[in-house]
């Protein structure tokens, strides 16, 4: 077994890997958000997270801003 932490282990097999499979997506940029486990339990995929956030944005946009009465 290889003891150097900077080198690949012998048991890794990339023989069926596809070079550049995600290169275009990566080049377009990424925005990774890590959800806490209790939150992730309610969102099975990215689509459901995005839908919930869009609803929250919509609510925030339409919420009336309370006015402070100055005397």
N, C-alpha and C. Protein backbone atom coordinates (compact mmCIF):
# COMPACT_ATOMS: atom_id res chain seq x y z
N UNK A 1 0.84 -1.19 0.00
CA UNK A 1 0.00 0.00 0.00
C UNK A 1 0.88 1.24 0.00
N UNK A 2 0.46 2.23 -0.70
CA UNK A 2 1.19 3.48 -0.84
C UNK A 2 1.00 4.32 0.42
N UNK A 3 2.07 4.76 1.04
CA UNK A 3 2.00 5.52 2.29
C UNK A 3 1.98 7.03 2.08
N UNK A 4 2.25 7.51 0.87
CA UNK A 4 2.29 8.94 0.61
C UNK A 4 0.88 9.47 0.41
N UNK A 5 0.45 10.45 1.22
CA UNK A 5 -0.91 10.98 1.14
C UNK A 5 -1.18 11.72 -0.17
N UNK A 6 -0.14 12.19 -0.85
CA UNK A 6 -0.30 12.97 -2.07
C UNK A 6 -0.44 12.11 -3.33
N UNK A 7 -0.35 10.81 -3.20
CA UNK A 7 -0.42 9.94 -4.37
C UNK A 7 -1.69 9.10 -4.36
N UNK A 8 -2.10 8.66 -5.54
CA UNK A 8 -3.30 7.83 -5.68
C UNK A 8 -3.05 6.45 -5.09
N UNK A 9 -4.06 5.86 -4.53
CA UNK A 9 -3.96 4.50 -4.02
C UNK A 9 -4.06 3.52 -5.17
N UNK A 10 -3.44 2.37 -5.01
CA UNK A 10 -3.44 1.35 -6.06
C UNK A 10 -4.84 0.84 -6.38
N UNK A 11 -5.74 0.85 -5.42
CA UNK A 11 -7.08 0.30 -5.64
C UNK A 11 -8.01 1.22 -6.41
N UNK A 12 -7.62 2.45 -6.69
CA UNK A 12 -8.44 3.34 -7.52
C UNK A 12 -8.35 2.88 -8.97
N UNK A 13 -9.51 2.75 -9.61
CA UNK A 13 -9.55 2.29 -11.01
C UNK A 13 -10.33 3.30 -11.84
N UNK A 14 -9.61 4.03 -12.67
CA UNK A 14 -10.23 5.01 -13.55
C UNK A 14 -10.22 4.54 -15.00
N UNK A 15 -10.08 3.24 -15.21
CA UNK A 15 -9.98 2.71 -16.57
C UNK A 15 -11.25 2.95 -17.39
N UNK A 16 -12.39 3.10 -16.73
CA UNK A 16 -13.64 3.35 -17.46
C UNK A 16 -14.09 4.81 -17.35
N UNK A 17 -13.20 5.64 -16.85
CA UNK A 17 -13.51 7.06 -16.71
C UNK A 17 -13.53 7.76 -18.06
N UNK A 18 -14.24 8.88 -18.12
CA UNK A 18 -14.34 9.67 -19.35
C UNK A 18 -13.68 11.01 -19.08
N UNK A 19 -12.58 11.28 -19.79
CA UNK A 19 -11.84 12.52 -19.60
C UNK A 19 -12.69 13.71 -20.05
N UNK A 20 -12.78 14.71 -19.19
CA UNK A 20 -13.48 15.94 -19.53
C UNK A 20 -14.99 15.85 -19.48
N UNK A 21 -15.54 14.82 -18.88
CA UNK A 21 -16.99 14.62 -18.85
C UNK A 21 -17.72 15.83 -18.26
N UNK A 22 -17.16 16.45 -17.23
CA UNK A 22 -17.80 17.58 -16.57
C UNK A 22 -17.06 18.88 -16.80
N UNK A 23 -16.13 18.92 -17.73
CA UNK A 23 -15.30 20.10 -17.95
C UNK A 23 -16.12 21.33 -18.33
N UNK A 24 -17.09 21.17 -19.21
CA UNK A 24 -17.90 22.30 -19.65
C UNK A 24 -18.71 22.88 -18.48
N UNK A 25 -19.33 21.99 -17.72
CA UNK A 25 -20.13 22.43 -16.57
C UNK A 25 -19.24 23.15 -15.55
N UNK A 26 -18.06 22.60 -15.31
CA UNK A 26 -17.13 23.22 -14.36
C UNK A 26 -16.67 24.59 -14.86
N UNK A 27 -16.41 24.69 -16.15
CA UNK A 27 -15.95 25.96 -16.73
C UNK A 27 -17.03 27.04 -16.61
N UNK A 28 -18.29 26.65 -16.62
CA UNK A 28 -19.39 27.61 -16.49
C UNK A 28 -19.51 28.14 -15.07
N UNK A 29 -18.86 27.48 -14.14
CA UNK A 29 -18.88 27.92 -12.75
C UNK A 29 -19.70 26.99 -11.89
N UNK A 30 -19.40 27.00 -10.64
CA UNK A 30 -20.12 26.16 -9.70
C UNK A 30 -20.54 26.99 -8.51
N UNK A 31 -21.57 26.55 -7.86
CA UNK A 31 -22.05 27.18 -6.65
C UNK A 31 -22.54 26.07 -5.74
N UNK A 32 -21.64 25.54 -4.97
CA UNK A 32 -21.97 24.41 -4.12
C UNK A 32 -22.36 24.91 -2.74
N UNK A 33 -23.49 24.41 -2.26
CA UNK A 33 -23.98 24.74 -0.93
C UNK A 33 -24.15 23.44 -0.17
N UNK A 34 -23.61 23.39 1.03
CA UNK A 34 -23.74 22.18 1.85
C UNK A 34 -24.88 22.39 2.84
N UNK A 35 -25.87 21.52 2.75
CA UNK A 35 -27.02 21.60 3.66
C UNK A 35 -26.74 20.80 4.92
N UNK A 36 -27.20 21.31 6.03
CA UNK A 36 -27.12 20.56 7.28
C UNK A 36 -28.02 19.33 7.13
N UNK A 37 -27.68 18.22 7.78
CA UNK A 37 -28.45 16.99 7.61
C UNK A 37 -29.94 17.12 7.87
N UNK A 38 -30.35 17.89 8.88
CA UNK A 38 -31.78 18.02 9.17
C UNK A 38 -32.51 18.76 8.06
N UNK A 39 -31.84 19.68 7.39
CA UNK A 39 -32.44 20.40 6.27
C UNK A 39 -32.46 19.49 5.03
N UNK A 40 -31.37 18.79 4.80
CA UNK A 40 -31.26 17.91 3.63
C UNK A 40 -32.33 16.81 3.65
N UNK A 41 -32.79 16.42 4.83
CA UNK A 41 -33.84 15.40 4.94
C UNK A 41 -35.13 15.83 4.22
N UNK A 42 -35.37 17.12 4.12
CA UNK A 42 -36.60 17.62 3.50
C UNK A 42 -36.45 17.90 2.01
N UNK A 43 -35.22 17.90 1.50
CA UNK A 43 -34.97 18.24 0.10
C UNK A 43 -34.21 17.11 -0.58
N UNK A 44 -34.91 16.29 -1.36
CA UNK A 44 -34.26 15.13 -1.98
C UNK A 44 -33.33 15.48 -3.14
N UNK A 45 -33.45 16.68 -3.70
CA UNK A 45 -32.62 17.03 -4.86
C UNK A 45 -32.51 18.54 -5.02
N UNK A 46 -31.67 18.98 -5.95
CA UNK A 46 -31.44 20.40 -6.20
C UNK A 46 -32.71 21.11 -6.63
N UNK A 47 -33.52 20.43 -7.41
CA UNK A 47 -34.75 21.05 -7.92
C UNK A 47 -35.68 21.46 -6.76
N UNK A 48 -35.81 20.62 -5.77
CA UNK A 48 -36.69 20.95 -4.64
C UNK A 48 -36.12 22.09 -3.80
N UNK A 49 -34.81 22.14 -3.66
CA UNK A 49 -34.18 23.24 -2.93
C UNK A 49 -34.42 24.55 -3.67
N UNK A 50 -34.19 24.56 -4.97
CA UNK A 50 -34.39 25.76 -5.77
C UNK A 50 -35.83 26.23 -5.73
N UNK A 51 -36.77 25.29 -5.79
CA UNK A 51 -38.20 25.66 -5.74
C UNK A 51 -38.53 26.33 -4.42
N UNK A 52 -38.03 25.77 -3.31
CA UNK A 52 -38.30 26.35 -2.00
C UNK A 52 -37.67 27.74 -1.87
N UNK A 53 -36.46 27.89 -2.36
CA UNK A 53 -35.81 29.20 -2.27
C UNK A 53 -36.51 30.24 -3.14
N UNK A 54 -36.99 29.83 -4.31
CA UNK A 54 -37.72 30.77 -5.17
C UNK A 54 -39.02 31.22 -4.50
N UNK A 55 -39.70 30.30 -3.82
CA UNK A 55 -40.91 30.68 -3.09
C UNK A 55 -40.58 31.66 -1.96
N UNK A 56 -39.48 31.41 -1.27
CA UNK A 56 -39.06 32.32 -0.20
C UNK A 56 -38.71 33.70 -0.76
N UNK A 57 -38.05 33.74 -1.90
CA UNK A 57 -37.73 35.01 -2.56
C UNK A 57 -39.01 35.74 -2.94
N UNK A 58 -39.97 35.01 -3.49
CA UNK A 58 -41.24 35.61 -3.88
C UNK A 58 -41.96 36.21 -2.68
N UNK A 59 -41.97 35.50 -1.57
CA UNK A 59 -42.60 36.00 -0.34
C UNK A 59 -41.88 37.26 0.13
N UNK A 60 -40.56 37.22 0.12
CA UNK A 60 -39.78 38.38 0.59
C UNK A 60 -40.02 39.60 -0.29
N UNK A 61 -40.18 39.41 -1.58
CA UNK A 61 -40.42 40.54 -2.50
C UNK A 61 -41.77 41.18 -2.27
N UNK A 62 -42.76 40.38 -1.89
CA UNK A 62 -44.12 40.89 -1.78
C UNK A 62 -44.53 41.25 -0.35
N UNK A 63 -43.65 41.04 0.58
CA UNK A 63 -43.97 41.36 1.97
C UNK A 63 -43.90 42.87 2.14
N UNK A 64 -44.94 43.41 2.73
CA UNK A 64 -44.98 44.86 2.97
C UNK A 64 -43.94 45.22 4.03
N UNK A 65 -43.25 46.31 3.78
CA UNK A 65 -42.26 46.79 4.74
C UNK A 65 -42.99 47.63 5.78
N UNK A 66 -42.87 47.26 7.07
CA UNK A 66 -43.56 48.04 8.10
C UNK A 66 -43.00 49.45 8.17
N UNK A 67 -43.89 50.38 8.33
CA UNK A 67 -43.47 51.78 8.41
C UNK A 67 -43.41 52.20 9.88
N UNK A 68 -42.39 52.95 10.19
CA UNK A 68 -42.21 53.43 11.56
C UNK A 68 -42.86 54.80 11.67
N UNK A 69 -43.74 54.95 12.66
CA UNK A 69 -44.41 56.22 12.86
C UNK A 69 -43.49 57.12 13.70
N UNK A 70 -43.17 58.26 13.13
CA UNK A 70 -42.31 59.22 13.82
C UNK A 70 -43.19 60.31 14.41
N UNK A 71 -43.03 60.57 15.71
CA UNK A 71 -43.87 61.60 16.33
C UNK A 71 -43.10 62.87 16.57
